[in-house]
Amino acid sequence: MLKTVVNINNSVQEHYVENQPLMLAKGENSKIKILTESEYTSRTAREIQEILRTKHIIVTNRTIPHHNFDENGLRTLRPLNEPISIKGKSRSRIRTKEK
């Protein structure tokens, strides 16, 4: 397991520029755009969508409340007993035994 982690780390570092990940060394060439929370919120939805056409956005310096990953923390997202519709193109089918 440790050998795998070391191999992944070495592989990532092979692509560093000036001892830094591309997103830090040459952000304009990276597929990742780093914005502070204030930079993110000051942009229009159109500006954010334009960035998202070619890059992933990481928002730093977020001011969010701390929540534990438990029932109470999950309740802050939505009620736990609320039905949720999942849409997709799953190819798996549930098979039931014939009686």
C-alpha atoms as a PDB file:
ATOM      1  CA  MET A   1       0.000   0.000   0.000  1.00  0.00           C
ATOM      2  CA  LEU A   2       2.734   2.468   0.957  1.00  0.00           C
ATOM      3  CA  LYS A   3       4.623   1.632  -2.229  1.00  0.00           C
ATOM      4  CA  THR A   4       1.509   2.547  -4.251  1.00  0.00           C
ATOM      5  CA  VAL A   5       1.212   5.911  -2.490  1.00  0.00           C
ATOM      6  CA  VAL A   6       4.900   6.625  -3.093  1.00  0.00           C
ATOM      7  CA  ASN A   7       4.503   5.706  -6.789  1.00  0.00           C
ATOM      8  CA  ILE A   8       1.491   8.021  -7.154  1.00  0.00           C
ATOM      9  CA  ASN A   9       3.383  10.845  -5.453  1.00  0.00           C
ATOM     10  CA  ASN A  10       6.411  10.333  -7.704  1.00  0.00           C
ATOM     11  CA  SER A  11       4.205  10.284 -10.794  1.00  0.00           C
ATOM     12  CA  VAL A  12       2.529  13.536  -9.777  1.00  0.00           C
ATOM     13  CA  GLN A  13       5.855  15.222  -9.049  1.00  0.00           C
ATOM     14  CA  GLU A  14       7.201  14.270 -12.491  1.00  0.00           C
ATOM     15  CA  HIS A  15       4.799  16.859 -13.925  1.00  0.00           C
ATOM     16  CA  TYR A  16       5.862  19.676 -11.592  1.00  0.00           C
ATOM     17  CA  VAL A  17       7.165  22.920 -13.080  1.00  0.00           C
ATOM     18  CA  GLU A  18       9.820  24.682 -11.005  1.00  0.00           C
ATOM     19  CA  ASN A  19       9.111  22.296  -8.096  1.00  0.00           C
ATOM     20  CA  GLN A  20       5.417  23.229  -8.037  1.00  0.00           C
ATOM     21  CA  PRO A  21       2.213  21.749  -9.430  1.00  0.00           C
ATOM     22  CA  LEU A  22       1.225  23.287 -12.768  1.00  0.00           C
ATOM     23  CA  MET A  23      -1.782  25.032 -11.195  1.00  0.00           C
ATOM     24  CA  LEU A  24       0.608  27.040  -8.987  1.00  0.00           C
ATOM     25  CA  ALA A  25       3.601  27.434 -11.297  1.00  0.00           C
ATOM     26  CA  LYS A  26       1.727  28.295 -14.495  1.00  0.00           C
ATOM     27  CA  GLY A  27      -1.954  28.615 -13.645  1.00  0.00           C
ATOM     28  CA  GLU A  28      -2.900  29.744 -17.144  1.00  0.00           C
ATOM     29  CA  ASN A  29      -1.818  26.330 -18.509  1.00  0.00           C
ATOM     30  CA  SER A  30      -3.515  24.297 -15.781  1.00  0.00           C
ATOM     31  CA  LYS A  31      -6.934  22.633 -15.869  1.00  0.00           C
ATOM     32  CA  ILE A  32      -7.472  23.958 -12.335  1.00  0.00           C
ATOM     33  CA  LYS A  33      -8.359  27.565 -11.458  1.00  0.00           C
ATOM     34  CA  ILE A  34      -7.800  28.615  -7.849  1.00  0.00           C
ATOM     35  CA  LEU A  35      -9.966  31.454  -6.536  1.00  0.00           C
ATOM     36  CA  THR A  36     -10.419  32.836  -3.049  1.00  0.00           C
ATOM     37  CA  GLU A  37     -13.982  32.975  -1.777  1.00  0.00           C
ATOM     38  CA  SER A  38     -14.094  36.749  -2.324  1.00  0.00           C
ATOM     39  CA  GLU A  39     -12.794  36.375  -5.901  1.00  0.00           C
ATOM     40  CA  TYR A  40     -15.371  33.667  -6.569  1.00  0.00           C
ATOM     41  CA  THR A  41     -18.328  35.598  -5.147  1.00  0.00           C
ATOM     42  CA  SER A  42     -17.352  38.803  -6.936  1.00  0.00           C
ATOM     43  CA  ARG A  43     -17.662  37.112 -10.341  1.00  0.00           C
ATOM     44  CA  THR A  44     -20.892  36.828 -12.268  1.00  0.00           C
ATOM     45  CA  ALA A  45     -22.489  33.485 -13.039  1.00  0.00           C
ATOM     46  CA  ARG A  46     -21.495  33.980 -16.686  1.00  0.00           C
ATOM     47  CA  GLU A  47     -17.828  34.508 -15.690  1.00  0.00           C
ATOM     48  CA  ILE A  48     -17.846  31.361 -13.546  1.00  0.00           C
ATOM     49  CA  GLN A  49     -19.463  29.343 -16.346  1.00  0.00           C
ATOM     50  CA  GLU A  50     -16.814  30.594 -18.765  1.00  0.00           C
ATOM     51  CA  ILE A  51     -14.063  29.310 -16.444  1.00  0.00           C
ATOM     52  CA  LEU A  52     -15.877  25.995 -15.987  1.00  0.00           C
ATOM     53  CA  ARG A  53     -15.882  25.439 -19.750  1.00  0.00           C
ATOM     54  CA  THR A  54     -12.169  24.579 -19.573  1.00  0.00           C
ATOM     55  CA  LYS A  55     -11.145  24.309 -15.908  1.00  0.00           C
ATOM     56  CA  HIS A  56     -12.146  22.995 -12.510  1.00  0.00           C
ATOM     57  CA  ILE A  57     -12.474  25.644  -9.798  1.00  0.00           C
ATOM     58  CA  ILE A  58     -11.029  25.328  -6.294  1.00  0.00           C
ATOM     59  CA  VAL A  59     -12.323  27.945  -3.852  1.00  0.00           C
ATOM     60  CA  THR A  60      -9.971  28.702  -0.960  1.00  0.00           C
ATOM     61  CA  ASN A  61     -10.459  30.679   2.270  1.00  0.00           C
ATOM     62  CA  ARG A  62     -14.073  29.544   2.546  1.00  0.00           C
ATOM     63  CA  THR A  63     -15.955  30.669   5.628  1.00  0.00           C
ATOM     64  CA  ILE A  64     -18.203  27.719   6.319  1.00  0.00           C
ATOM     65  CA  PRO A  65     -19.440  26.408   9.635  1.00  0.00           C
ATOM     66  CA  HIS A  66     -17.948  23.159  10.908  1.00  0.00           C
ATOM     67  CA  HIS A  67     -20.243  20.129  10.785  1.00  0.00           C
ATOM     68  CA  ASN A  68     -19.559  16.596  11.850  1.00  0.00           C
ATOM     69  CA  PHE A  69     -20.219  13.808   9.380  1.00  0.00           C
ATOM     70  CA  ASP A  70     -23.144  12.381  11.320  1.00  0.00           C
ATOM     71  CA  GLU A  71     -26.968  12.553  11.313  1.00  0.00           C
ATOM     72  CA  ASN A  72     -27.042  16.126  12.557  1.00  0.00           C
ATOM     73  CA  GLY A  73     -24.437  17.268  10.046  1.00  0.00           C
ATOM     74  CA  LEU A  74     -26.296  15.577   7.182  1.00  0.00           C
ATOM     75  CA  ARG A  75     -29.552  17.224   8.284  1.00  0.00           C
ATOM     76  CA  THR A  76     -28.016  20.600   7.437  1.00  0.00           C
ATOM     77  CA  LEU A  77     -28.114  19.533   3.765  1.00  0.00           C
ATOM     78  CA  ARG A  78     -31.741  18.375   3.679  1.00  0.00           C
ATOM     79  CA  PRO A  79     -34.190  16.373   5.797  1.00  0.00           C
ATOM     80  CA  LEU A  80     -33.028  12.781   6.169  1.00  0.00           C
ATOM     81  CA  ASN A  81     -36.502  11.318   5.546  1.00  0.00           C
ATOM     82  CA  GLU A  82     -37.119  13.334   2.353  1.00  0.00           C
ATOM     83  CA  PRO A  83     -37.419  11.141  -0.761  1.00  0.00           C
ATOM     84  CA  ILE A  84     -34.801  11.871  -3.414  1.00  0.00           C
ATOM     85  CA  SER A  85     -35.238  11.174  -7.110  1.00  0.00           C
ATOM     86  CA  ILE A  86     -32.130   9.877  -8.852  1.00  0.00           C
ATOM     87  CA  LYS A  87     -31.935  10.231 -12.602  1.00  0.00           C
ATOM     88  CA  GLY A  88     -29.368   8.558 -14.773  1.00  0.00           C
ATOM     89  CA  LYS A  89     -28.632   6.029 -17.431  1.00  0.00           C
ATOM     90  CA  SER A  90     -27.759   3.080 -15.256  1.00  0.00           C
ATOM     91  CA  ARG A  91     -27.582  -0.175 -17.165  1.00  0.00           C
ATOM     92  CA  SER A  92     -27.953  -2.371 -14.123  1.00  0.00           C
ATOM     93  CA  ARG A  93     -31.376  -3.794 -13.425  1.00  0.00           C
ATOM     94  CA  ILE A  94     -32.814  -5.160 -10.233  1.00  0.00           C
ATOM     95  CA  ARG A  95     -33.962  -8.722 -10.792  1.00  0.00           C
ATOM     96  CA  THR A  96     -36.539 -10.307  -8.566  1.00  0.00           C
ATOM     97  CA  LYS A  97     -37.142 -14.009  -8.184  1.00  0.00           C
ATOM     98  CA  GLU A  98     -40.376 -15.244  -9.704  1.00  0.00           C
ATOM     99  CA  LYS A  99     -42.712 -16.922  -7.239  1.00  0.00           C
END
